[in-house]
Structures are given as structure tokens and as C-alpha cells.
N, C-alpha and C. Protein backbone atom coordinates (compact mmCIF):
# COMPACT_ATOMS: atom_id res chain seq x y z
N MET A 1 -21.10 -7.60 5.90
CA MET A 1 -19.74 -7.72 6.38
C MET A 1 -18.78 -7.26 5.29
N SER A 2 -17.69 -6.65 5.77
CA SER A 2 -16.76 -6.09 4.81
C SER A 2 -15.34 -6.13 5.35
N SER A 3 -14.40 -6.43 4.48
CA SER A 3 -12.98 -6.42 4.82
C SER A 3 -12.27 -5.42 3.93
N ARG A 4 -11.32 -4.73 4.50
CA ARG A 4 -10.46 -3.84 3.73
C ARG A 4 -9.03 -4.28 3.99
N LEU A 5 -8.42 -4.90 2.99
CA LEU A 5 -7.06 -5.40 3.10
C LEU A 5 -6.16 -4.49 2.27
N LEU A 6 -5.57 -3.52 2.91
CA LEU A 6 -4.74 -2.53 2.25
C LEU A 6 -3.30 -2.64 2.74
N ARG A 7 -2.90 -3.85 3.02
CA ARG A 7 -1.55 -4.15 3.52
C ARG A 7 -0.52 -3.86 2.43
N ASN A 8 0.54 -3.16 2.82
CA ASN A 8 1.65 -2.86 1.90
C ASN A 8 1.14 -2.20 0.62
N ASP A 9 0.28 -1.22 0.78
CA ASP A 9 -0.40 -0.58 -0.34
C ASP A 9 0.13 0.83 -0.61
N ASN A 10 1.29 1.16 -0.07
CA ASN A 10 1.91 2.47 -0.27
C ASN A 10 1.04 3.63 0.19
N ILE A 11 0.26 3.41 1.23
CA ILE A 11 -0.54 4.50 1.79
C ILE A 11 0.39 5.33 2.67
N SER A 12 0.36 6.63 2.46
CA SER A 12 1.16 7.51 3.31
C SER A 12 0.24 8.58 3.88
N ALA A 13 0.77 9.35 4.76
CA ALA A 13 0.05 10.41 5.45
C ALA A 13 -0.87 9.82 6.51
N SER A 14 -2.17 9.67 6.23
CA SER A 14 -3.11 9.21 7.26
C SER A 14 -4.00 8.09 6.73
N ILE A 15 -4.78 7.53 7.64
CA ILE A 15 -5.72 6.47 7.25
C ILE A 15 -6.78 7.08 6.34
N PRO A 16 -7.07 6.45 5.21
CA PRO A 16 -8.06 7.00 4.27
C PRO A 16 -9.39 7.29 4.96
N SER A 17 -9.94 8.47 4.72
CA SER A 17 -11.15 8.92 5.43
C SER A 17 -12.38 8.09 5.10
N TYR A 18 -12.46 7.50 3.92
CA TYR A 18 -13.65 6.73 3.57
C TYR A 18 -13.84 5.51 4.47
N ILE A 19 -12.77 5.04 5.08
CA ILE A 19 -12.88 3.87 5.95
C ILE A 19 -13.77 4.15 7.15
N ARG A 20 -13.82 5.39 7.60
CA ARG A 20 -14.69 5.78 8.72
C ARG A 20 -16.16 5.53 8.43
N GLU A 21 -16.52 5.55 7.17
CA GLU A 21 -17.92 5.44 6.77
C GLU A 21 -18.41 4.01 6.61
N ILE A 22 -17.52 3.05 6.64
CA ILE A 22 -17.92 1.65 6.43
C ILE A 22 -18.45 1.10 7.74
N GLN A 23 -19.75 0.88 7.82
CA GLN A 23 -20.39 0.48 9.06
C GLN A 23 -20.19 -0.99 9.43
N SER A 24 -20.12 -1.87 8.46
CA SER A 24 -20.06 -3.30 8.75
C SER A 24 -18.66 -3.86 8.57
N LEU A 25 -17.66 -3.07 8.84
CA LEU A 25 -16.28 -3.48 8.65
C LEU A 25 -15.90 -4.54 9.68
N THR A 26 -15.45 -5.71 9.20
CA THR A 26 -15.08 -6.81 10.10
C THR A 26 -13.58 -7.05 10.14
N GLN A 27 -12.85 -6.56 9.15
CA GLN A 27 -11.40 -6.71 9.14
C GLN A 27 -10.80 -5.50 8.44
N LEU A 28 -9.80 -4.92 9.09
CA LEU A 28 -9.09 -3.79 8.51
C LEU A 28 -7.60 -4.05 8.65
N ASP A 29 -6.92 -4.14 7.53
CA ASP A 29 -5.47 -4.37 7.53
C ASP A 29 -4.79 -3.23 6.79
N LEU A 30 -4.18 -2.35 7.55
CA LEU A 30 -3.43 -1.22 7.00
C LEU A 30 -1.95 -1.34 7.35
N SER A 31 -1.51 -2.55 7.64
CA SER A 31 -0.13 -2.76 8.05
C SER A 31 0.84 -2.60 6.87
N PHE A 32 2.09 -2.34 7.21
CA PHE A 32 3.18 -2.20 6.24
C PHE A 32 2.91 -1.09 5.22
N ASN A 33 2.48 0.05 5.72
CA ASN A 33 2.33 1.25 4.90
C ASN A 33 3.23 2.32 5.51
N ASN A 34 3.01 3.55 5.17
CA ASN A 34 3.75 4.67 5.75
C ASN A 34 2.80 5.65 6.42
N ILE A 35 1.79 5.10 7.07
CA ILE A 35 0.80 5.94 7.74
C ILE A 35 1.45 6.56 8.97
N ALA A 36 1.37 7.87 9.06
CA ALA A 36 2.05 8.59 10.13
C ALA A 36 1.06 9.43 10.93
N GLY A 37 1.51 9.88 12.07
CA GLY A 37 0.72 10.78 12.90
C GLY A 37 0.03 10.06 14.05
N GLN A 38 -0.86 10.77 14.68
CA GLN A 38 -1.59 10.27 15.84
C GLN A 38 -2.47 9.08 15.46
N ILE A 39 -2.41 8.03 16.26
CA ILE A 39 -3.28 6.88 16.00
C ILE A 39 -4.72 7.32 16.21
N PRO A 40 -5.59 7.11 15.24
CA PRO A 40 -6.97 7.61 15.35
C PRO A 40 -7.82 6.75 16.30
N ASP A 41 -8.86 7.35 16.85
CA ASP A 41 -9.78 6.63 17.74
C ASP A 41 -10.80 5.81 16.97
N PHE A 42 -11.17 6.25 15.77
CA PHE A 42 -12.33 5.65 15.11
C PHE A 42 -12.26 4.14 14.90
N PRO A 43 -11.11 3.52 14.56
CA PRO A 43 -11.17 2.06 14.38
C PRO A 43 -11.50 1.33 15.68
N PHE A 44 -11.13 1.92 16.81
CA PHE A 44 -11.38 1.29 18.10
C PHE A 44 -12.84 1.46 18.53
N ASN A 45 -13.54 2.38 17.92
CA ASN A 45 -14.94 2.63 18.25
C ASN A 45 -15.93 1.86 17.38
N LEU A 46 -15.44 1.18 16.36
CA LEU A 46 -16.32 0.41 15.48
C LEU A 46 -16.73 -0.88 16.18
N SER A 47 -18.02 -1.06 16.38
CA SER A 47 -18.50 -2.22 17.15
C SER A 47 -18.43 -3.52 16.37
N SER A 48 -18.22 -3.46 15.07
CA SER A 48 -18.21 -4.69 14.26
C SER A 48 -16.82 -5.08 13.77
N LEU A 49 -15.77 -4.53 14.36
CA LEU A 49 -14.41 -4.72 13.84
C LEU A 49 -13.57 -5.62 14.76
N PRO A 50 -13.63 -6.94 14.58
CA PRO A 50 -12.86 -7.83 15.45
C PRO A 50 -11.38 -7.97 15.06
N PHE A 51 -11.01 -7.64 13.83
CA PHE A 51 -9.63 -7.83 13.38
C PHE A 51 -9.07 -6.51 12.85
N LEU A 52 -8.10 -5.97 13.58
CA LEU A 52 -7.52 -4.67 13.24
C LEU A 52 -6.00 -4.79 13.21
N PHE A 53 -5.42 -4.49 12.06
CA PHE A 53 -3.98 -4.60 11.85
C PHE A 53 -3.44 -3.23 11.42
N LEU A 54 -2.67 -2.61 12.29
CA LEU A 54 -2.07 -1.30 12.00
C LEU A 54 -0.56 -1.33 12.17
N GLY A 55 0.02 -2.51 12.24
CA GLY A 55 1.45 -2.66 12.49
C GLY A 55 2.33 -2.16 11.37
N ASN A 56 3.57 -1.86 11.72
CA ASN A 56 4.59 -1.44 10.76
C ASN A 56 4.21 -0.18 10.01
N ASN A 57 3.82 0.82 10.77
CA ASN A 57 3.56 2.15 10.24
C ASN A 57 4.37 3.14 11.06
N LYS A 58 3.95 4.39 11.08
CA LYS A 58 4.65 5.43 11.85
C LYS A 58 3.66 6.15 12.75
N LEU A 59 2.75 5.38 13.33
CA LEU A 59 1.72 5.95 14.20
C LEU A 59 2.30 6.25 15.57
N ASN A 60 1.78 7.31 16.20
CA ASN A 60 2.20 7.64 17.56
C ASN A 60 0.99 7.93 18.42
N GLY A 61 1.22 8.14 19.69
CA GLY A 61 0.14 8.41 20.62
C GLY A 61 -0.12 7.21 21.52
N THR A 62 -1.33 7.15 22.05
CA THR A 62 -1.73 6.06 22.95
C THR A 62 -2.93 5.33 22.37
N LEU A 63 -3.16 4.14 22.85
CA LEU A 63 -4.27 3.32 22.36
C LEU A 63 -5.57 3.67 23.06
N SER A 64 -6.64 3.74 22.30
CA SER A 64 -7.98 3.88 22.85
C SER A 64 -8.52 2.50 23.16
N ALA A 65 -9.42 2.42 24.12
CA ALA A 65 -10.05 1.13 24.43
C ALA A 65 -10.85 0.67 23.21
N THR A 66 -10.79 -0.60 22.93
CA THR A 66 -11.49 -1.15 21.78
C THR A 66 -12.81 -1.76 22.21
N LYS A 67 -13.82 -1.65 21.38
CA LYS A 67 -15.14 -2.19 21.72
C LYS A 67 -15.30 -3.64 21.33
N SER A 68 -14.66 -4.07 20.25
CA SER A 68 -14.98 -5.40 19.76
C SER A 68 -13.79 -6.20 19.24
N SER A 69 -12.60 -5.65 19.29
CA SER A 69 -11.46 -6.36 18.69
C SER A 69 -11.16 -7.66 19.42
N ARG A 70 -10.85 -8.68 18.62
CA ARG A 70 -10.35 -9.95 19.15
C ARG A 70 -8.88 -10.12 18.79
N LEU A 71 -8.45 -9.46 17.72
CA LEU A 71 -7.06 -9.50 17.31
C LEU A 71 -6.65 -8.07 16.94
N LEU A 72 -5.67 -7.56 17.64
CA LEU A 72 -5.22 -6.19 17.43
C LEU A 72 -3.70 -6.18 17.30
N ASN A 73 -3.21 -5.69 16.16
CA ASN A 73 -1.78 -5.62 15.93
C ASN A 73 -1.40 -4.17 15.65
N VAL A 74 -0.67 -3.59 16.58
CA VAL A 74 -0.15 -2.23 16.41
C VAL A 74 1.37 -2.23 16.59
N SER A 75 2.00 -3.36 16.28
CA SER A 75 3.44 -3.51 16.46
C SER A 75 4.22 -2.59 15.51
N TYR A 76 5.43 -2.31 15.90
CA TYR A 76 6.37 -1.53 15.09
C TYR A 76 5.79 -0.18 14.66
N ASN A 77 5.34 0.56 15.65
CA ASN A 77 4.92 1.94 15.48
C ASN A 77 5.70 2.76 16.51
N ASN A 78 5.21 3.93 16.82
CA ASN A 78 5.84 4.79 17.83
C ASN A 78 4.87 5.09 18.96
N LEU A 79 4.06 4.10 19.33
CA LEU A 79 3.08 4.29 20.38
C LEU A 79 3.77 4.33 21.73
N ALA A 80 3.20 5.08 22.66
CA ALA A 80 3.84 5.25 23.97
C ALA A 80 2.77 5.42 25.04
N GLY A 81 3.23 5.61 26.25
CA GLY A 81 2.32 5.81 27.37
C GLY A 81 2.22 4.57 28.22
N ARG A 82 1.26 4.58 29.12
CA ARG A 82 1.05 3.43 29.99
C ARG A 82 0.49 2.26 29.20
N PHE A 83 0.92 1.08 29.58
CA PHE A 83 0.38 -0.15 29.00
C PHE A 83 -1.12 -0.13 29.23
N PRO A 84 -1.94 -0.28 28.20
CA PRO A 84 -3.39 -0.11 28.34
C PRO A 84 -4.01 -1.09 29.35
N SER A 85 -4.67 -0.56 30.37
CA SER A 85 -5.27 -1.41 31.40
C SER A 85 -6.50 -2.15 30.88
N TRP A 86 -7.17 -1.62 29.87
CA TRP A 86 -8.39 -2.23 29.37
C TRP A 86 -8.13 -3.56 28.67
N ILE A 87 -6.91 -3.85 28.27
CA ILE A 87 -6.67 -5.09 27.53
C ILE A 87 -6.90 -6.33 28.39
N SER A 88 -6.77 -6.20 29.70
CA SER A 88 -6.99 -7.35 30.56
C SER A 88 -8.46 -7.69 30.71
N GLU A 89 -9.34 -6.80 30.28
CA GLU A 89 -10.78 -7.01 30.40
C GLU A 89 -11.36 -7.75 29.19
N LEU A 90 -10.57 -7.96 28.18
CA LEU A 90 -11.07 -8.54 26.93
C LEU A 90 -10.38 -9.86 26.64
N ASN A 91 -11.03 -10.68 25.84
CA ASN A 91 -10.39 -11.88 25.31
C ASN A 91 -9.75 -11.43 24.00
N LEU A 92 -8.53 -10.95 24.10
CA LEU A 92 -7.91 -10.22 23.01
C LEU A 92 -6.51 -10.76 22.73
N GLU A 93 -6.23 -11.03 21.46
CA GLU A 93 -4.86 -11.34 21.04
C GLU A 93 -4.26 -10.02 20.59
N LEU A 94 -3.16 -9.65 21.21
CA LEU A 94 -2.63 -8.31 21.05
C LEU A 94 -1.14 -8.37 20.73
N ASN A 95 -0.72 -7.58 19.74
CA ASN A 95 0.70 -7.47 19.41
C ASN A 95 1.11 -6.01 19.56
N LEU A 96 1.92 -5.75 20.58
CA LEU A 96 2.40 -4.39 20.86
C LEU A 96 3.92 -4.28 20.70
N VAL A 97 4.53 -5.26 20.06
CA VAL A 97 5.99 -5.34 19.94
C VAL A 97 6.55 -4.06 19.33
N ALA A 98 7.71 -3.65 19.83
CA ALA A 98 8.48 -2.53 19.29
C ALA A 98 7.73 -1.21 19.35
N ASN A 99 7.16 -0.93 20.50
CA ASN A 99 6.59 0.37 20.81
C ASN A 99 7.26 0.85 22.09
N ASN A 100 6.72 1.87 22.72
CA ASN A 100 7.35 2.43 23.92
C ASN A 100 6.39 2.51 25.09
N PHE A 101 5.69 1.42 25.36
CA PHE A 101 4.73 1.41 26.46
C PHE A 101 5.43 1.23 27.80
N THR A 102 4.85 1.81 28.82
CA THR A 102 5.28 1.62 30.20
C THR A 102 4.33 0.63 30.83
N VAL A 103 4.86 -0.46 31.38
CA VAL A 103 4.02 -1.47 32.01
C VAL A 103 3.74 -1.03 33.44
N VAL A 104 2.46 -1.07 33.83
CA VAL A 104 2.07 -0.79 35.22
C VAL A 104 1.34 -2.01 35.75
N ALA A 105 1.26 -2.12 37.07
CA ALA A 105 0.58 -3.26 37.68
C ALA A 105 -0.81 -3.40 37.08
N SER A 106 -1.16 -4.62 36.77
CA SER A 106 -2.39 -4.89 36.04
C SER A 106 -2.87 -6.28 36.41
N ASN A 107 -4.06 -6.63 35.93
CA ASN A 107 -4.55 -7.99 36.16
C ASN A 107 -4.38 -8.85 34.91
N LEU A 108 -3.33 -8.61 34.14
CA LEU A 108 -3.00 -9.47 33.01
C LEU A 108 -2.79 -10.89 33.51
N ARG A 109 -3.32 -11.85 32.78
CA ARG A 109 -3.17 -13.24 33.18
C ARG A 109 -2.13 -13.98 32.35
N LYS A 110 -1.93 -13.58 31.11
CA LYS A 110 -0.99 -14.28 30.24
C LYS A 110 -0.21 -13.30 29.38
N VAL A 111 1.05 -13.59 29.22
CA VAL A 111 1.88 -12.90 28.25
C VAL A 111 2.57 -14.00 27.46
N TYR A 112 2.19 -14.15 26.19
CA TYR A 112 2.75 -15.23 25.39
C TYR A 112 4.11 -14.89 24.81
N VAL A 113 4.21 -13.74 24.22
CA VAL A 113 5.46 -13.33 23.60
C VAL A 113 5.70 -11.89 23.99
N ILE A 114 6.88 -11.64 24.45
CA ILE A 114 7.21 -10.25 24.76
C ILE A 114 8.59 -9.99 24.18
N ASP A 115 8.70 -8.96 23.40
CA ASP A 115 9.96 -8.61 22.75
C ASP A 115 10.55 -7.44 23.52
N VAL A 116 11.53 -7.73 24.35
CA VAL A 116 12.12 -6.70 25.18
C VAL A 116 13.55 -6.46 24.71
N ILE A 117 13.85 -5.23 24.46
CA ILE A 117 15.22 -4.85 24.12
C ILE A 117 15.80 -4.22 25.38
N GLY A 118 16.87 -4.78 25.86
CA GLY A 118 17.46 -4.29 27.10
C GLY A 118 16.93 -5.07 28.29
N ALA A 119 16.88 -4.42 29.42
CA ALA A 119 16.45 -5.07 30.66
C ALA A 119 14.95 -5.31 30.65
N ILE A 120 14.54 -6.40 31.29
CA ILE A 120 13.10 -6.67 31.46
C ILE A 120 12.57 -5.69 32.50
N PRO A 121 11.50 -4.97 32.19
CA PRO A 121 10.97 -3.99 33.14
C PRO A 121 10.58 -4.65 34.47
N ASP A 122 10.95 -4.03 35.59
CA ASP A 122 10.61 -4.56 36.91
C ASP A 122 9.10 -4.73 37.09
N GLU A 123 8.32 -3.91 36.41
CA GLU A 123 6.87 -3.96 36.56
C GLU A 123 6.30 -5.32 36.16
N LEU A 124 6.96 -6.02 35.23
CA LEU A 124 6.45 -7.34 34.82
C LEU A 124 6.44 -8.33 35.97
N TRP A 125 7.39 -8.20 36.88
CA TRP A 125 7.46 -9.14 38.01
C TRP A 125 6.37 -8.86 39.03
N SER A 126 5.73 -7.70 38.96
CA SER A 126 4.68 -7.38 39.93
C SER A 126 3.27 -7.66 39.41
N LEU A 127 3.15 -8.31 38.28
CA LEU A 127 1.84 -8.66 37.74
C LEU A 127 1.32 -9.87 38.51
N THR A 128 0.55 -9.63 39.54
CA THR A 128 0.16 -10.68 40.48
C THR A 128 -0.79 -11.72 39.89
N TYR A 129 -1.52 -11.39 38.86
CA TYR A 129 -2.46 -12.33 38.25
C TYR A 129 -1.83 -13.17 37.14
N LEU A 130 -0.60 -12.86 36.79
CA LEU A 130 0.06 -13.54 35.68
C LEU A 130 0.27 -15.02 35.98
N THR A 131 -0.24 -15.88 35.09
CA THR A 131 -0.09 -17.33 35.27
C THR A 131 0.75 -17.95 34.18
N ASN A 132 0.86 -17.34 33.02
CA ASN A 132 1.66 -17.85 31.90
C ASN A 132 2.48 -16.73 31.31
């Protein structure tokens, strides 16, 4: 098992390439850096990575489905697109605050905290499985 805690480490440009090679990575924290560009697929494909923190960077694009994450923080980036439908299939704590996702009808059951600037999207009222 291995953790890489590179929070607020002045990393710029992209995620360091050596991280792709760590097979038993259980926690990756790259939050509060200046990582820019397309959010990479590889952290989401690691089967041993339950804790992934990529918040407060300059990442853009859309989220890939995750294989093993239990806690995923990609807040305060420039992510966009449809709200990921795969998140309702997992027991996942997710922070998507301050991105540009479009919410579509889904089988989400709970939304604990939602940070909405402006009007609440009408799509939230159509989440028929929502209980909390």
C-alpha cells in the first residue's frame, strides 16, 4: 500500500508521470496545486485507489468512471459536461463543488451538500430517487 500526499506542493503543468507506475496506490492527494489541462483517465482506472483528491487545480474535461474510489474530490476545477451517471452506482463520497456540470435525471439517492451559484437547476427537482 502506498500514499502520495502532494497537496499544495507547487506542482504545475500536469500530474507527475511516475504516479502512473505505482500499482498499490491507496491515496493520492494532488489538491491545491496548479495542475492544468485535461483531467487524466489513469487515476480513475487504478483498482486500488479508494481516496483521490484533485481539488483546487485547473483541470478541465469530464470525469471518467472510477473503479474503486470511495472518496473523490475534484472541486474547484473547470470540469464540465453531464453530471456523471456512474456515481449513483457506487458508495461514493463525492465533492464536485465549483465546476460546470449539467445535472440530468438520475437515480441519485442523496445530495448532502450542493453549492449552487444562482438559480437551482430544474433538473434537481426531477431526481425521482432522491430521499435526502
